[in-house]
Amino acid sequence: MRKNKKHEFEFYQNQDDKVKTKIQYVFELIKQVERVPEKFLKHLEGTEGLFEIRVEYQSNIYSPDIYRDLLL
């Protein structure tokens, strides 16, 4: 399950540079680490295989996308 790619791009482009850097960091973390801390990648309760990307910056939490079976 993926959101519209245009929506993803627009969401990313509209963020502050520091938020963009943190989003990139989380994607790199997901690619490189076997167990990603829930602070960055949260399983959505009541679902099977849905994960939410989470980025925190200046007391705000950004959730750029939701992925199905991300870890497969």
C-alpha atoms as a PDB file:
ATOM      1  CA  MET A   1       0.000   0.000   0.000  1.00  0.00           C
ATOM      2  CA  ARG A   2       1.552   3.265  -1.099  1.00  0.00           C
ATOM      3  CA  LYS A   3       0.207   6.755  -1.232  1.00  0.00           C
ATOM      4  CA  ASN A   4       0.199   8.580  -4.519  1.00  0.00           C
ATOM      5  CA  LYS A   5       3.829   9.228  -5.590  1.00  0.00           C
ATOM      6  CA  LYS A   6       2.991  12.826  -6.521  1.00  0.00           C
ATOM      7  CA  HIS A   7       1.640  13.345  -2.983  1.00  0.00           C
ATOM      8  CA  GLU A   8       4.848  11.853  -1.516  1.00  0.00           C
ATOM      9  CA  PHE A   9       7.033  14.139  -3.620  1.00  0.00           C
ATOM     10  CA  GLU A  10       4.999  17.233  -2.756  1.00  0.00           C
ATOM     11  CA  PHE A  11       5.056  16.355   0.939  1.00  0.00           C
ATOM     12  CA  TYR A  12       8.846  16.003   0.833  1.00  0.00           C
ATOM     13  CA  GLN A  13       9.414  19.166  -1.231  1.00  0.00           C
ATOM     14  CA  ASN A  14       7.325  21.252   1.176  1.00  0.00           C
ATOM     15  CA  GLN A  15       9.466  20.376   4.195  1.00  0.00           C
ATOM     16  CA  ASP A  16      12.259  22.357   5.812  1.00  0.00           C
ATOM     17  CA  ASP A  17      15.763  21.181   4.787  1.00  0.00           C
ATOM     18  CA  LYS A  18      16.384  19.753   8.256  1.00  0.00           C
ATOM     19  CA  VAL A  19      13.172  17.704   8.045  1.00  0.00           C
ATOM     20  CA  LYS A  20      14.221  16.437   4.597  1.00  0.00           C
ATOM     21  CA  THR A  21      17.570  15.380   6.039  1.00  0.00           C
ATOM     22  CA  LYS A  22      15.842  13.481   8.847  1.00  0.00           C
ATOM     23  CA  ILE A  23      13.482  11.766   6.390  1.00  0.00           C
ATOM     24  CA  GLN A  24      16.493  10.652   4.324  1.00  0.00           C
ATOM     25  CA  TYR A  25      18.192   9.422   7.510  1.00  0.00           C
ATOM     26  CA  VAL A  26      15.199   7.255   8.433  1.00  0.00           C
ATOM     27  CA  PHE A  27      15.083   5.653   4.972  1.00  0.00           C
ATOM     28  CA  GLU A  28      18.817   4.893   5.174  1.00  0.00           C
ATOM     29  CA  LEU A  29      18.321   3.444   8.667  1.00  0.00           C
ATOM     30  CA  ILE A  30      15.556   1.162   7.369  1.00  0.00           C
ATOM     31  CA  LYS A  31      17.839  -0.074   4.582  1.00  0.00           C
ATOM     32  CA  GLN A  32      20.810  -0.741   6.855  1.00  0.00           C
ATOM     33  CA  VAL A  33      19.525  -1.839  10.276  1.00  0.00           C
ATOM     34  CA  GLU A  34      17.792  -5.133  10.998  1.00  0.00           C
ATOM     35  CA  ARG A  35      15.704  -3.782  13.883  1.00  0.00           C
ATOM     36  CA  VAL A  36      14.672  -0.167  13.395  1.00  0.00           C
ATOM     37  CA  PRO A  37      13.639   1.583  16.628  1.00  0.00           C
ATOM     38  CA  GLU A  38       9.915   2.295  16.944  1.00  0.00           C
ATOM     39  CA  LYS A  39      10.822   5.964  17.238  1.00  0.00           C
ATOM     40  CA  PHE A  40      11.417   5.880  13.456  1.00  0.00           C
ATOM     41  CA  LEU A  41       9.266   3.028  12.184  1.00  0.00           C
ATOM     42  CA  LYS A  42       6.046   2.096  13.943  1.00  0.00           C
ATOM     43  CA  HIS A  43       3.826  -0.908  13.269  1.00  0.00           C
ATOM     44  CA  LEU A  44       0.232   0.278  13.048  1.00  0.00           C
ATOM     45  CA  GLU A  45      -1.859  -1.553  15.646  1.00  0.00           C
ATOM     46  CA  GLY A  46      -4.733  -3.618  14.365  1.00  0.00           C
ATOM     47  CA  THR A  47      -3.064  -4.135  10.999  1.00  0.00           C
ATOM     48  CA  GLU A  48      -1.012  -6.889   9.499  1.00  0.00           C
ATOM     49  CA  GLY A  49       2.165  -5.563   7.950  1.00  0.00           C
ATOM     50  CA  LEU A  50       1.449  -1.808   7.892  1.00  0.00           C
ATOM     51  CA  PHE A  51       4.249   0.458   9.087  1.00  0.00           C
ATOM     52  CA  GLU A  52       4.382   4.216   9.548  1.00  0.00           C
ATOM     53  CA  ILE A  53       7.592   6.188   8.997  1.00  0.00           C
ATOM     54  CA  ARG A  54       8.028   8.741  11.794  1.00  0.00           C
ATOM     55  CA  VAL A  55      10.306  11.778  11.791  1.00  0.00           C
ATOM     56  CA  GLU A  56      10.501  14.165  14.744  1.00  0.00           C
ATOM     57  CA  TYR A  57      11.817  17.714  14.441  1.00  0.00           C
ATOM     58  CA  GLN A  58      11.255  20.660  16.801  1.00  0.00           C
ATOM     59  CA  SER A  59       8.494  18.863  18.741  1.00  0.00           C
ATOM     60  CA  ASN A  60       6.626  18.016  15.525  1.00  0.00           C
ATOM     61  CA  ILE A  61       6.164  14.481  14.244  1.00  0.00           C
ATOM     62  CA  TYR A  62       6.075  14.017  10.495  1.00  0.00           C
ATOM     63  CA  SER A  63       4.724  10.863   8.952  1.00  0.00           C
ATOM     64  CA  PRO A  64       5.632  10.955   5.273  1.00  0.00           C
ATOM     65  CA  ASP A  65       4.273   7.552   4.321  1.00  0.00           C
ATOM     66  CA  ILE A  66       2.769   4.237   5.301  1.00  0.00           C
ATOM     67  CA  TYR A  67       4.173   0.995   3.935  1.00  0.00           C
ATOM     68  CA  ARG A  68       2.909  -2.558   3.731  1.00  0.00           C
ATOM     69  CA  ASP A  69       5.313  -5.426   4.277  1.00  0.00           C
ATOM     70  CA  LEU A  70       8.217  -2.998   4.461  1.00  0.00           C
ATOM     71  CA  LEU A  71      10.467  -5.470   6.161  1.00  0.00           C
ATOM     72  CA  LEU A  72       9.985  -8.374   3.722  1.00  0.00           C
END
